[in-house]
Amino acid sequence: MLSWGCVHRIHVTPTPPAVSSDLITQSLQVLVPSLALEGADHRQGITLLDWPAQDLRSAVIDYIQSRQTFASVSDRPADVTLTVKAWLAMRSHGNYHYRLRLESTLGPSGKPAIKSYLVDKETEGSSVRWITASDRSPIAGAVQAALDDLLTQIEADHLLYRK
């Protein structure tokens, strides 16, 4: 890959606002098979954005562990599987806008999902992308809002995931 500018490597560490009051007493496997990036960073001469799916997977695992929604959480086989497909679109309209879409399914491992969840969050960044923080901060905000929303939806359905 040819590089026409610097690369902003993104790492996010969202934290839940509170511990869940609706514990799902099953182990959870988190899969993030894809994280698609589209938008302003893919034009020649524009700073490139590097945000691997593994970073988002780690962020989801750490977030859910801290929120204590499930008995345990990892990327290894478990009782139930949460599959998260993610898209990040970046647009420049004066300030840069970052839109994160998560399409997730949850259900018993090795079986069809019980339910699917859709989360779509947008944040606004600065008008320039000189340093990594100018991308990382709004992306981190979108991830935080998306995971807050996703886990709120899953916890509302906690009775679906009883053993």
C-alpha atoms as a PDB file:
ATOM      1  CA  MET A   1       0.000   0.000   0.000  1.00  0.00           C
ATOM      2  CA  LEU A   2       1.318   3.427  -0.897  1.00  0.00           C
ATOM      3  CA  SER A   3       1.120   6.052   1.788  1.00  0.00           C
ATOM      4  CA  TRP A   4       0.668   9.691   0.827  1.00  0.00           C
ATOM      5  CA  GLY A   5       0.573  11.038   4.346  1.00  0.00           C
ATOM      6  CA  CYS A   6       0.836   9.974   7.942  1.00  0.00           C
ATOM      7  CA  VAL A   7      -1.279   7.234   9.458  1.00  0.00           C
ATOM      8  CA  HIS A   8      -3.524   7.815  12.473  1.00  0.00           C
ATOM      9  CA  ARG A   9      -3.623   4.543  14.409  1.00  0.00           C
ATOM     10  CA  ILE A  10      -6.784   4.393  16.474  1.00  0.00           C
ATOM     11  CA  HIS A  11      -7.110   2.711  19.864  1.00  0.00           C
ATOM     12  CA  VAL A  12     -10.298   3.110  21.919  1.00  0.00           C
ATOM     13  CA  THR A  13     -11.019   2.303  25.576  1.00  0.00           C
ATOM     14  CA  PRO A  14     -14.704   2.939  26.312  1.00  0.00           C
ATOM     15  CA  THR A  15     -15.924   2.603  29.885  1.00  0.00           C
ATOM     16  CA  PRO A  16     -19.493   1.853  30.940  1.00  0.00           C
ATOM     17  CA  PRO A  17     -21.399   4.521  32.872  1.00  0.00           C
ATOM     18  CA  ALA A  18     -22.477   1.934  35.482  1.00  0.00           C
ATOM     19  CA  VAL A  19     -22.504  -1.753  36.343  1.00  0.00           C
ATOM     20  CA  SER A  20     -25.451  -3.670  34.921  1.00  0.00           C
ATOM     21  CA  SER A  21     -28.340  -4.504  37.217  1.00  0.00           C
ATOM     22  CA  ASP A  22     -29.452  -7.318  34.873  1.00  0.00           C
ATOM     23  CA  LEU A  23     -26.774 -10.034  34.996  1.00  0.00           C
ATOM     24  CA  ILE A  24     -26.994 -12.632  32.245  1.00  0.00           C
ATOM     25  CA  THR A  25     -25.560 -15.742  33.917  1.00  0.00           C
ATOM     26  CA  GLN A  26     -23.874 -17.117  30.820  1.00  0.00           C
ATOM     27  CA  SER A  27     -20.409 -16.816  29.340  1.00  0.00           C
ATOM     28  CA  LEU A  28     -20.096 -14.611  26.250  1.00  0.00           C
ATOM     29  CA  GLN A  29     -17.849 -14.894  23.213  1.00  0.00           C
ATOM     30  CA  VAL A  30     -17.338 -11.623  21.290  1.00  0.00           C
ATOM     31  CA  LEU A  31     -16.600 -11.771  17.561  1.00  0.00           C
ATOM     32  CA  VAL A  32     -15.876  -8.730  15.381  1.00  0.00           C
ATOM     33  CA  PRO A  33     -15.451 -10.271  11.921  1.00  0.00           C
ATOM     34  CA  SER A  34     -15.323  -6.955  10.110  1.00  0.00           C
ATOM     35  CA  LEU A  35     -14.693  -3.261  10.589  1.00  0.00           C
ATOM     36  CA  ALA A  36     -15.135  -1.365   7.331  1.00  0.00           C
ATOM     37  CA  LEU A  37     -13.749   2.142   6.953  1.00  0.00           C
ATOM     38  CA  GLU A  38     -14.960   4.593   4.354  1.00  0.00           C
ATOM     39  CA  GLY A  39     -14.686   8.273   3.751  1.00  0.00           C
ATOM     40  CA  ALA A  40     -12.388  11.220   3.653  1.00  0.00           C
ATOM     41  CA  ASP A  41      -9.234   9.387   4.729  1.00  0.00           C
ATOM     42  CA  HIS A  42      -9.162   7.276   1.574  1.00  0.00           C
ATOM     43  CA  ARG A  43      -8.374  10.157  -0.809  1.00  0.00           C
ATOM     44  CA  GLN A  44      -4.838  10.730  -2.054  1.00  0.00           C
ATOM     45  CA  GLY A  45      -2.849  13.117   0.137  1.00  0.00           C
ATOM     46  CA  ILE A  46      -5.209  12.800   3.103  1.00  0.00           C
ATOM     47  CA  THR A  47      -4.074  11.375   6.425  1.00  0.00           C
ATOM     48  CA  LEU A  48      -4.834   7.658   6.545  1.00  0.00           C
ATOM     49  CA  LEU A  49      -6.823   6.046   9.326  1.00  0.00           C
ATOM     50  CA  ASP A  50      -5.822   2.645  10.723  1.00  0.00           C
ATOM     51  CA  TRP A  51      -8.333   1.071  13.102  1.00  0.00           C
ATOM     52  CA  PRO A  52      -8.161  -2.741  13.153  1.00  0.00           C
ATOM     53  CA  ALA A  53     -11.159  -4.900  14.018  1.00  0.00           C
ATOM     54  CA  GLN A  54      -9.061  -6.475  16.802  1.00  0.00           C
ATOM     55  CA  ASP A  55      -8.977  -3.133  18.622  1.00  0.00           C
ATOM     56  CA  LEU A  56     -12.761  -2.817  18.469  1.00  0.00           C
ATOM     57  CA  ARG A  57     -13.136  -6.444  19.633  1.00  0.00           C
ATOM     58  CA  SER A  58     -10.867  -5.772  22.630  1.00  0.00           C
ATOM     59  CA  ALA A  59     -12.803  -2.591  23.413  1.00  0.00           C
ATOM     60  CA  VAL A  60     -16.138  -4.463  23.322  1.00  0.00           C
ATOM     61  CA  ILE A  61     -14.786  -7.247  25.568  1.00  0.00           C
ATOM     62  CA  ASP A  62     -13.294  -4.812  28.096  1.00  0.00           C
ATOM     63  CA  TYR A  63     -16.458  -2.686  28.102  1.00  0.00           C
ATOM     64  CA  ILE A  64     -18.769  -5.671  28.724  1.00  0.00           C
ATOM     65  CA  GLN A  65     -16.434  -7.060  31.424  1.00  0.00           C
ATOM     66  CA  SER A  66     -16.493  -3.707  33.217  1.00  0.00           C
ATOM     67  CA  ARG A  67     -20.261  -3.404  32.843  1.00  0.00           C
ATOM     68  CA  GLN A  68     -20.677  -6.954  34.230  1.00  0.00           C
ATOM     69  CA  THR A  69     -23.596  -7.817  31.955  1.00  0.00           C
ATOM     70  CA  PHE A  70     -22.461 -11.436  31.474  1.00  0.00           C
ATOM     71  CA  ALA A  71     -20.910 -13.981  33.852  1.00  0.00           C
ATOM     72  CA  SER A  72     -17.707 -13.847  31.778  1.00  0.00           C
ATOM     73  CA  VAL A  73     -16.572 -12.343  28.469  1.00  0.00           C
ATOM     74  CA  SER A  74     -13.772 -13.279  26.058  1.00  0.00           C
ATOM     75  CA  ASP A  75     -12.977 -14.023  22.432  1.00  0.00           C
ATOM     76  CA  ARG A  76     -13.022 -17.782  23.140  1.00  0.00           C
ATOM     77  CA  PRO A  77     -15.965 -20.194  22.676  1.00  0.00           C
ATOM     78  CA  ALA A  78     -18.687 -19.633  25.289  1.00  0.00           C
ATOM     79  CA  ASP A  79     -22.381 -20.244  26.044  1.00  0.00           C
ATOM     80  CA  VAL A  80     -23.575 -17.369  23.836  1.00  0.00           C
ATOM     81  CA  THR A  81     -21.938 -15.445  20.998  1.00  0.00           C
ATOM     82  CA  LEU A  82     -22.173 -11.730  20.242  1.00  0.00           C
ATOM     83  CA  THR A  83     -21.171 -11.015  16.647  1.00  0.00           C
ATOM     84  CA  VAL A  84     -20.567  -7.344  15.848  1.00  0.00           C
ATOM     85  CA  LYS A  85     -20.128  -6.096  12.280  1.00  0.00           C
ATOM     86  CA  ALA A  86     -18.990  -2.485  12.216  1.00  0.00           C
ATOM     87  CA  TRP A  87     -18.774   0.356   9.715  1.00  0.00           C
ATOM     88  CA  LEU A  88     -17.115   3.709  10.284  1.00  0.00           C
ATOM     89  CA  ALA A  89     -17.901   6.429   7.756  1.00  0.00           C
ATOM     90  CA  MET A  90     -16.081   9.734   7.875  1.00  0.00           C
ATOM     91  CA  ARG A  91     -17.330  12.807   6.030  1.00  0.00           C
ATOM     92  CA  SER A  92     -16.046  16.339   5.815  1.00  0.00           C
ATOM     93  CA  HIS A  93     -18.724  19.044   6.032  1.00  0.00           C
ATOM     94  CA  GLY A  94     -16.711  21.886   7.538  1.00  0.00           C
ATOM     95  CA  ASN A  95     -15.887  19.744  10.552  1.00  0.00           C
ATOM     96  CA  TYR A  96     -15.319  16.024  10.117  1.00  0.00           C
ATOM     97  CA  HIS A  97     -18.271  13.800  11.042  1.00  0.00           C
ATOM     98  CA  TYR A  98     -17.764  10.199  12.153  1.00  0.00           C
ATOM     99  CA  ARG A  99     -20.664   7.752  11.856  1.00  0.00           C
ATOM    100  CA  LEU A 100     -20.335   4.344  13.509  1.00  0.00           C
ATOM    101  CA  ARG A 101     -22.829   1.606  12.676  1.00  0.00           C
ATOM    102  CA  LEU A 102     -22.896  -1.669  14.604  1.00  0.00           C
ATOM    103  CA  GLU A 103     -24.992  -4.579  13.342  1.00  0.00           C
ATOM    104  CA  SER A 104     -24.932  -7.226  16.048  1.00  0.00           C
ATOM    105  CA  THR A 105     -26.466 -10.619  16.686  1.00  0.00           C
ATOM    106  CA  LEU A 106     -26.642 -12.539  19.952  1.00  0.00           C
ATOM    107  CA  GLY A 107     -27.578 -16.132  20.588  1.00  0.00           C
ATOM    108  CA  PRO A 108     -26.432 -19.574  21.724  1.00  0.00           C
ATOM    109  CA  SER A 109     -23.043 -20.515  20.325  1.00  0.00           C
ATOM    110  CA  GLY A 110     -23.270 -22.742  17.260  1.00  0.00           C
ATOM    111  CA  LYS A 111     -26.976 -22.003  16.753  1.00  0.00           C
ATOM    112  CA  PRO A 112     -28.934 -19.260  14.969  1.00  0.00           C
ATOM    113  CA  ALA A 113     -28.987 -15.916  16.768  1.00  0.00           C
ATOM    114  CA  ILE A 114     -31.958 -15.171  19.008  1.00  0.00           C
ATOM    115  CA  LYS A 115     -31.986 -11.459  18.249  1.00  0.00           C
ATOM    116  CA  SER A 116     -30.239  -8.799  16.203  1.00  0.00           C
ATOM    117  CA  TYR A 117     -29.411  -5.260  17.289  1.00  0.00           C
ATOM    118  CA  LEU A 118     -28.686  -2.128  15.279  1.00  0.00           C
ATOM    119  CA  VAL A 119     -26.846   0.889  16.655  1.00  0.00           C
ATOM    120  CA  ASP A 120     -25.955   3.979  14.630  1.00  0.00           C
ATOM    121  CA  LYS A 121     -24.069   6.862  16.281  1.00  0.00           C
ATOM    122  CA  GLU A 122     -22.520  10.026  14.876  1.00  0.00           C
ATOM    123  CA  THR A 123     -19.992  12.385  16.423  1.00  0.00           C
ATOM    124  CA  GLU A 124     -18.361  15.564  15.211  1.00  0.00           C
ATOM    125  CA  GLY A 125     -14.635  16.167  15.124  1.00  0.00           C
ATOM    126  CA  SER A 126     -12.485  19.116  14.214  1.00  0.00           C
ATOM    127  CA  SER A 127     -12.152  20.796  10.830  1.00  0.00           C
ATOM    128  CA  VAL A 128      -8.583  19.496  10.407  1.00  0.00           C
ATOM    129  CA  ARG A 129      -6.912  16.149  11.093  1.00  0.00           C
ATOM    130  CA  TRP A 130      -3.363  17.141  11.998  1.00  0.00           C
ATOM    131  CA  ILE A 131      -2.824  14.771  14.904  1.00  0.00           C
ATOM    132  CA  THR A 132      -4.101  11.303  15.814  1.00  0.00           C
ATOM    133  CA  ALA A 133      -6.284  12.724  18.612  1.00  0.00           C
ATOM    134  CA  SER A 134      -8.304  14.667  16.036  1.00  0.00           C
ATOM    135  CA  ASP A 135      -9.583  11.286  14.784  1.00  0.00           C
ATOM    136  CA  ARG A 136      -9.313   9.217  17.966  1.00  0.00           C
ATOM    137  CA  SER A 137     -11.433  11.468  20.213  1.00  0.00           C
ATOM    138  CA  PRO A 138     -14.585  11.556  18.038  1.00  0.00           C
ATOM    139  CA  ILE A 139     -14.239   7.855  17.158  1.00  0.00           C
ATOM    140  CA  ALA A 140     -13.899   7.016  20.861  1.00  0.00           C
ATOM    141  CA  GLY A 141     -17.026   9.083  21.542  1.00  0.00           C
ATOM    142  CA  ALA A 142     -18.967   7.203  18.869  1.00  0.00           C
ATOM    143  CA  VAL A 143     -17.787   3.832  20.240  1.00  0.00           C
ATOM    144  CA  GLN A 144     -18.764   4.851  23.780  1.00  0.00           C
ATOM    145  CA  ALA A 145     -22.260   5.935  22.707  1.00  0.00           C
ATOM    146  CA  ALA A 146     -22.731   2.852  20.507  1.00  0.00           C
ATOM    147  CA  LEU A 147     -21.736   0.376  23.228  1.00  0.00           C
ATOM    148  CA  ASP A 148     -23.875   2.171  25.824  1.00  0.00           C
ATOM    149  CA  ASP A 149     -26.854   1.825  23.466  1.00  0.00           C
ATOM    150  CA  LEU A 150     -26.082  -1.772  22.419  1.00  0.00           C
ATOM    151  CA  LEU A 151     -25.708  -3.060  25.983  1.00  0.00           C
ATOM    152  CA  THR A 152     -28.827  -1.198  27.125  1.00  0.00           C
ATOM    153  CA  GLN A 153     -30.757  -3.040  24.383  1.00  0.00           C
ATOM    154  CA  ILE A 154     -29.219  -6.417  25.275  1.00  0.00           C
ATOM    155  CA  GLU A 155     -29.894  -5.924  28.996  1.00  0.00           C
ATOM    156  CA  ALA A 156     -33.529  -5.045  28.240  1.00  0.00           C
ATOM    157  CA  ASP A 157     -33.754  -8.490  26.586  1.00  0.00           C
ATOM    158  CA  HIS A 158     -31.946 -10.336  29.393  1.00  0.00           C
ATOM    159  CA  LEU A 159     -34.824 -12.815  29.843  1.00  0.00           C
ATOM    160  CA  LEU A 160     -34.192 -14.116  26.294  1.00  0.00           C
ATOM    161  CA  TYR A 161     -30.728 -15.283  27.313  1.00  0.00           C
ATOM    162  CA  ARG A 162     -31.542 -17.256  30.469  1.00  0.00           C
ATOM    163  CA  LYS A 163     -30.045 -20.730  30.735  1.00  0.00           C
END
